[in-house]
Amino acid sequence: MRWLLKLLVEVDSSRFVTTRLGAAAGLLILLGAFAAVGYWLPMAVAGYLGR
């Protein structure tokens, strides 16, 4: 949990543009991973159960 807060703070207050962009990219990747799991996991379970 601490690493997520660190990413959020780096995006907002880092002095270096590359650090901001890296943290923002990390957050976008994390968001995309959660979105993929939230979409594909229920579909896989529904497919497994035959619905």
PDB file of N, CA and C in Angstrom:
ATOM      1  N   MET A   1       0.814  -1.190   0.000  1.00  0.00           N
ATOM      2  CA  MET A   1       0.000   0.000   0.000  1.00  0.00           C
ATOM      3  C   MET A   1       0.863   1.262   0.000  1.00  0.00           C
ATOM      4  N   ARG A   2       1.993   1.173   0.668  1.00  0.00           N
ATOM      5  CA  ARG A   2       2.874   2.339   0.752  1.00  0.00           C
ATOM      6  C   ARG A   2       3.432   2.734  -0.620  1.00  0.00           C
ATOM      7  N   TRP A   3       3.712   1.730  -1.470  1.00  0.00           N
ATOM      8  CA  TRP A   3       4.260   2.024  -2.793  1.00  0.00           C
ATOM      9  C   TRP A   3       3.222   2.741  -3.658  1.00  0.00           C
ATOM     10  N   LEU A   4       1.925   2.447  -3.459  1.00  0.00           N
ATOM     11  CA  LEU A   4       0.880   3.139  -4.207  1.00  0.00           C
ATOM     12  C   LEU A   4       0.816   4.603  -3.792  1.00  0.00           C
ATOM     13  N   LEU A   5       0.880   4.858  -2.507  1.00  0.00           N
ATOM     14  CA  LEU A   5       0.889   6.237  -2.032  1.00  0.00           C
ATOM     15  C   LEU A   5       2.120   6.980  -2.526  1.00  0.00           C
ATOM     16  N   LYS A   6       3.250   6.290  -2.583  1.00  0.00           N
ATOM     17  CA  LYS A   6       4.474   6.906  -3.085  1.00  0.00           C
ATOM     18  C   LYS A   6       4.315   7.298  -4.550  1.00  0.00           C
ATOM     19  N   LEU A   7       3.690   6.421  -5.347  1.00  0.00           N
ATOM     20  CA  LEU A   7       3.448   6.752  -6.760  1.00  0.00           C
ATOM     21  C   LEU A   7       2.554   7.974  -6.890  1.00  0.00           C
ATOM     22  N   LEU A   8       1.502   8.027  -6.093  1.00  0.00           N
ATOM     23  CA  LEU A   8       0.589   9.170  -6.151  1.00  0.00           C
ATOM     24  C   LEU A   8       1.294  10.468  -5.797  1.00  0.00           C
ATOM     25  N   VAL A   9       2.138  10.433  -4.778  1.00  0.00           N
ATOM     26  CA  VAL A   9       2.865  11.638  -4.374  1.00  0.00           C
ATOM     27  C   VAL A   9       3.882  12.035  -5.435  1.00  0.00           C
ATOM     28  N   GLU A  10       4.561  11.060  -6.043  1.00  0.00           N
ATOM     29  CA  GLU A  10       5.552  11.378  -7.070  1.00  0.00           C
ATOM     30  C   GLU A  10       4.913  12.010  -8.292  1.00  0.00           C
ATOM     31  N   VAL A  11       3.736  11.542  -8.668  1.00  0.00           N
ATOM     32  CA  VAL A  11       3.047  12.142  -9.815  1.00  0.00           C
ATOM     33  C   VAL A  11       2.716  13.596  -9.519  1.00  0.00           C
ATOM     34  N   ASP A  12       2.331  13.870  -8.302  1.00  0.00           N
ATOM     35  CA  ASP A  12       1.881  15.213  -7.947  1.00  0.00           C
ATOM     36  C   ASP A  12       3.023  16.183  -7.635  1.00  0.00           C
ATOM     37  N   SER A  13       4.084  15.716  -6.977  1.00  0.00           N
ATOM     38  CA  SER A  13       5.026  16.693  -6.440  1.00  0.00           C
ATOM     39  C   SER A  13       6.495  16.452  -6.769  1.00  0.00           C
ATOM     40  N   SER A  14       6.788  15.572  -7.697  1.00  0.00           N
ATOM     41  CA  SER A  14       8.192  15.355  -8.033  1.00  0.00           C
ATOM     42  C   SER A  14       8.740  16.534  -8.832  1.00  0.00           C
ATOM     43  N   ARG A  15      10.000  16.846  -8.600  1.00  0.00           N
ATOM     44  CA  ARG A  15      10.629  17.952  -9.332  1.00  0.00           C
ATOM     45  C   ARG A  15      11.037  17.545 -10.732  1.00  0.00           C
ATOM     46  N   PHE A  16      11.226  16.259 -10.952  1.00  0.00           N
ATOM     47  CA  PHE A  16      11.736  15.776 -12.229  1.00  0.00           C
ATOM     48  C   PHE A  16      10.594  15.255 -13.101  1.00  0.00           C
ATOM     49  N   VAL A  17      10.579  15.705 -14.344  1.00  0.00           N
ATOM     50  CA  VAL A  17       9.517  15.320 -15.266  1.00  0.00           C
ATOM     51  C   VAL A  17       9.553  13.815 -15.538  1.00  0.00           C
ATOM     52  N   THR A  18      10.740  13.253 -15.651  1.00  0.00           N
ATOM     53  CA  THR A  18      10.831  11.821 -15.938  1.00  0.00           C
ATOM     54  C   THR A  18      10.272  10.980 -14.785  1.00  0.00           C
ATOM     55  N   THR A  19      10.480  11.429 -13.570  1.00  0.00           N
ATOM     56  CA  THR A  19       9.930  10.716 -12.421  1.00  0.00           C
ATOM     57  C   THR A  19       8.412  10.822 -12.418  1.00  0.00           C
ATOM     58  N   ARG A  20       7.895  11.992 -12.747  1.00  0.00           N
ATOM     59  CA  ARG A  20       6.437  12.169 -12.833  1.00  0.00           C
ATOM     60  C   ARG A  20       5.844  11.272 -13.909  1.00  0.00           C
ATOM     61  N   LEU A  21       6.480  11.250 -15.064  1.00  0.00           N
ATOM     62  CA  LEU A  21       5.964  10.420 -16.156  1.00  0.00           C
ATOM     63  C   LEU A  21       6.049   8.935 -15.826  1.00  0.00           C
ATOM     64  N   GLY A  22       7.133   8.524 -15.209  1.00  0.00           N
ATOM     65  CA  GLY A  22       7.274   7.126 -14.815  1.00  0.00           C
ATOM     66  C   GLY A  22       6.231   6.714 -13.793  1.00  0.00           C
ATOM     67  N   ALA A  23       5.989   7.572 -12.810  1.00  0.00           N
ATOM     68  CA  ALA A  23       4.978   7.273 -11.800  1.00  0.00           C
ATOM     69  C   ALA A  23       3.582   7.255 -12.412  1.00  0.00           C
ATOM     70  N   ALA A  24       3.320   8.186 -13.318  1.00  0.00           N
ATOM     71  CA  ALA A  24       2.016   8.214 -13.983  1.00  0.00           C
ATOM     72  C   ALA A  24       1.821   6.967 -14.846  1.00  0.00           C
ATOM     73  N   ALA A  25       2.865   6.542 -15.540  1.00  0.00           N
ATOM     74  CA  ALA A  25       2.777   5.324 -16.347  1.00  0.00           C
ATOM     75  C   ALA A  25       2.539   4.108 -15.453  1.00  0.00           C
ATOM     76  N   GLY A  26       3.199   4.062 -14.327  1.00  0.00           N
ATOM     77  CA  GLY A  26       2.982   2.969 -13.383  1.00  0.00           C
ATOM     78  C   GLY A  26       1.552   2.919 -12.875  1.00  0.00           C
ATOM     79  N   LEU A  27       0.991   4.088 -12.585  1.00  0.00           N
ATOM     80  CA  LEU A  27      -0.396   4.130 -12.137  1.00  0.00           C
ATOM     81  C   LEU A  27      -1.351   3.705 -13.245  1.00  0.00           C
ATOM     82  N   LEU A  28      -1.070   4.104 -14.480  1.00  0.00           N
ATOM     83  CA  LEU A  28      -1.926   3.694 -15.597  1.00  0.00           C
ATOM     84  C   LEU A  28      -1.855   2.189 -15.840  1.00  0.00           C
ATOM     85  N   ILE A  29      -0.668   1.628 -15.713  1.00  0.00           N
ATOM     86  CA  ILE A  29      -0.516   0.177 -15.865  1.00  0.00           C
ATOM     87  C   ILE A  29      -1.274  -0.546 -14.765  1.00  0.00           C
ATOM     88  N   LEU A  30      -1.168  -0.045 -13.543  1.00  0.00           N
ATOM     89  CA  LEU A  30      -1.889  -0.648 -12.425  1.00  0.00           C
ATOM     90  C   LEU A  30      -3.400  -0.558 -12.631  1.00  0.00           C
ATOM     91  N   LEU A  31      -3.872   0.578 -13.079  1.00  0.00           N
ATOM     92  CA  LEU A  31      -5.296   0.756 -13.356  1.00  0.00           C
ATOM     93  C   LEU A  31      -5.754  -0.182 -14.467  1.00  0.00           C
ATOM     94  N   GLY A  32      -4.948  -0.313 -15.500  1.00  0.00           N
ATOM     95  CA  GLY A  32      -5.281  -1.230 -16.592  1.00  0.00           C
ATOM     96  C   GLY A  32      -5.319  -2.675 -16.143  1.00  0.00           C
ATOM     97  N   ALA A  33      -4.411  -3.047 -15.249  1.00  0.00           N
ATOM     98  CA  ALA A  33      -4.401  -4.419 -14.728  1.00  0.00           C
ATOM     99  C   ALA A  33      -5.667  -4.698 -13.919  1.00  0.00           C
ATOM    100  N   PHE A  34      -6.058  -3.753 -13.081  1.00  0.00           N
ATOM    101  CA  PHE A  34      -7.288  -3.935 -12.316  1.00  0.00           C
ATOM    102  C   PHE A  34      -8.511  -3.986 -13.232  1.00  0.00           C
ATOM    103  N   ALA A  35      -8.524  -3.169 -14.260  1.00  0.00           N
ATOM    104  CA  ALA A  35      -9.640  -3.185 -15.204  1.00  0.00           C
ATOM    105  C   ALA A  35      -9.701  -4.516 -15.943  1.00  0.00           C
ATOM    106  N   ALA A  36      -8.558  -5.033 -16.350  1.00  0.00           N
ATOM    107  CA  ALA A  36      -8.529  -6.314 -17.066  1.00  0.00           C
ATOM    108  C   ALA A  36      -9.002  -7.445 -16.166  1.00  0.00           C
ATOM    109  N   VAL A  37      -8.541  -7.468 -14.931  1.00  0.00           N
ATOM    110  CA  VAL A  37      -8.972  -8.514 -13.996  1.00  0.00           C
ATOM    111  C   VAL A  37     -10.465  -8.370 -13.701  1.00  0.00           C
ATOM    112  N   GLY A  38     -10.932  -7.151 -13.556  1.00  0.00           N
ATOM    113  CA  GLY A  38     -12.345  -6.922 -13.283  1.00  0.00           C
ATOM    114  C   GLY A  38     -13.238  -7.292 -14.441  1.00  0.00           C
ATOM    115  N   TYR A  39     -12.714  -7.303 -15.637  1.00  0.00           N
ATOM    116  CA  TYR A  39     -13.498  -7.667 -16.814  1.00  0.00           C
ATOM    117  C   TYR A  39     -13.350  -9.141 -17.155  1.00  0.00           C
ATOM    118  N   TRP A  40     -12.115  -9.613 -17.223  1.00  0.00           N
ATOM    119  CA  TRP A  40     -11.878 -10.981 -17.691  1.00  0.00           C
ATOM    120  C   TRP A  40     -12.184 -12.050 -16.653  1.00  0.00           C
ATOM    121  N   LEU A  41     -11.950 -11.782 -15.399  1.00  0.00           N
ATOM    122  CA  LEU A  41     -12.202 -12.792 -14.368  1.00  0.00           C
ATOM    123  C   LEU A  41     -13.684 -13.177 -14.281  1.00  0.00           C
ATOM    124  N   PRO A  42     -14.612 -12.217 -14.210  1.00  0.00           N
ATOM    125  CA  PRO A  42     -16.024 -12.621 -14.204  1.00  0.00           C
ATOM    126  C   PRO A  42     -16.444 -13.341 -15.484  1.00  0.00           C
ATOM    127  N   MET A  43     -15.905 -12.935 -16.630  1.00  0.00           N
ATOM    128  CA  MET A  43     -16.232 -13.621 -17.880  1.00  0.00           C
ATOM    129  C   MET A  43     -15.706 -15.044 -17.877  1.00  0.00           C
ATOM    130  N   ALA A  44     -14.514 -15.244 -17.327  1.00  0.00           N
ATOM    131  CA  ALA A  44     -13.944 -16.592 -17.281  1.00  0.00           C
ATOM    132  C   ALA A  44     -14.749 -17.474 -16.333  1.00  0.00           C
ATOM    133  N   VAL A  45     -15.160 -16.929 -15.207  1.00  0.00           N
ATOM    134  CA  VAL A  45     -15.963 -17.702 -14.263  1.00  0.00           C
ATOM    135  C   VAL A  45     -17.320 -18.033 -14.867  1.00  0.00           C
ATOM    136  N   ALA A  46     -17.943 -17.068 -15.534  1.00  0.00           N
ATOM    137  CA  ALA A  46     -19.233 -17.325 -16.175  1.00  0.00           C
ATOM    138  C   ALA A  46     -19.093 -18.356 -17.289  1.00  0.00           C
ATOM    139  N   GLY A  47     -18.018 -18.295 -18.027  1.00  0.00           N
ATOM    140  CA  GLY A  47     -17.778 -19.284 -19.071  1.00  0.00           C
ATOM    141  C   GLY A  47     -17.527 -20.674 -18.488  1.00  0.00           C
ATOM    142  N   TYR A  48     -16.839 -20.726 -17.378  1.00  0.00           N
ATOM    143  CA  TYR A  48     -16.554 -21.994 -16.715  1.00  0.00           C
ATOM    144  C   TYR A  48     -17.832 -22.624 -16.164  1.00  0.00           C
ATOM    145  N   LEU A  49     -18.729 -21.779 -15.657  1.00  0.00           N
ATOM    146  CA  LEU A  49     -19.982 -22.284 -15.105  1.00  0.00           C
ATOM    147  C   LEU A  49     -21.021 -22.561 -16.181  1.00  0.00           C
ATOM    148  N   GLY A  50     -20.732 -22.197 -17.419  1.00  0.00           N
ATOM    149  CA  GLY A  50     -21.627 -22.495 -18.526  1.00  0.00           C
ATOM    150  C   GLY A  50     -22.778 -21.537 -18.704  1.00  0.00           C
ATOM    151  N   ARG A  51     -22.576 -20.312 -18.314  1.00  0.00           N
ATOM    152  CA  ARG A  51     -23.650 -19.326 -18.483  1.00  0.00           C
ATOM    153  C   ARG A  51     -23.441 -18.505 -19.694  1.00  0.00           C
TER     154      ARG A  51
END
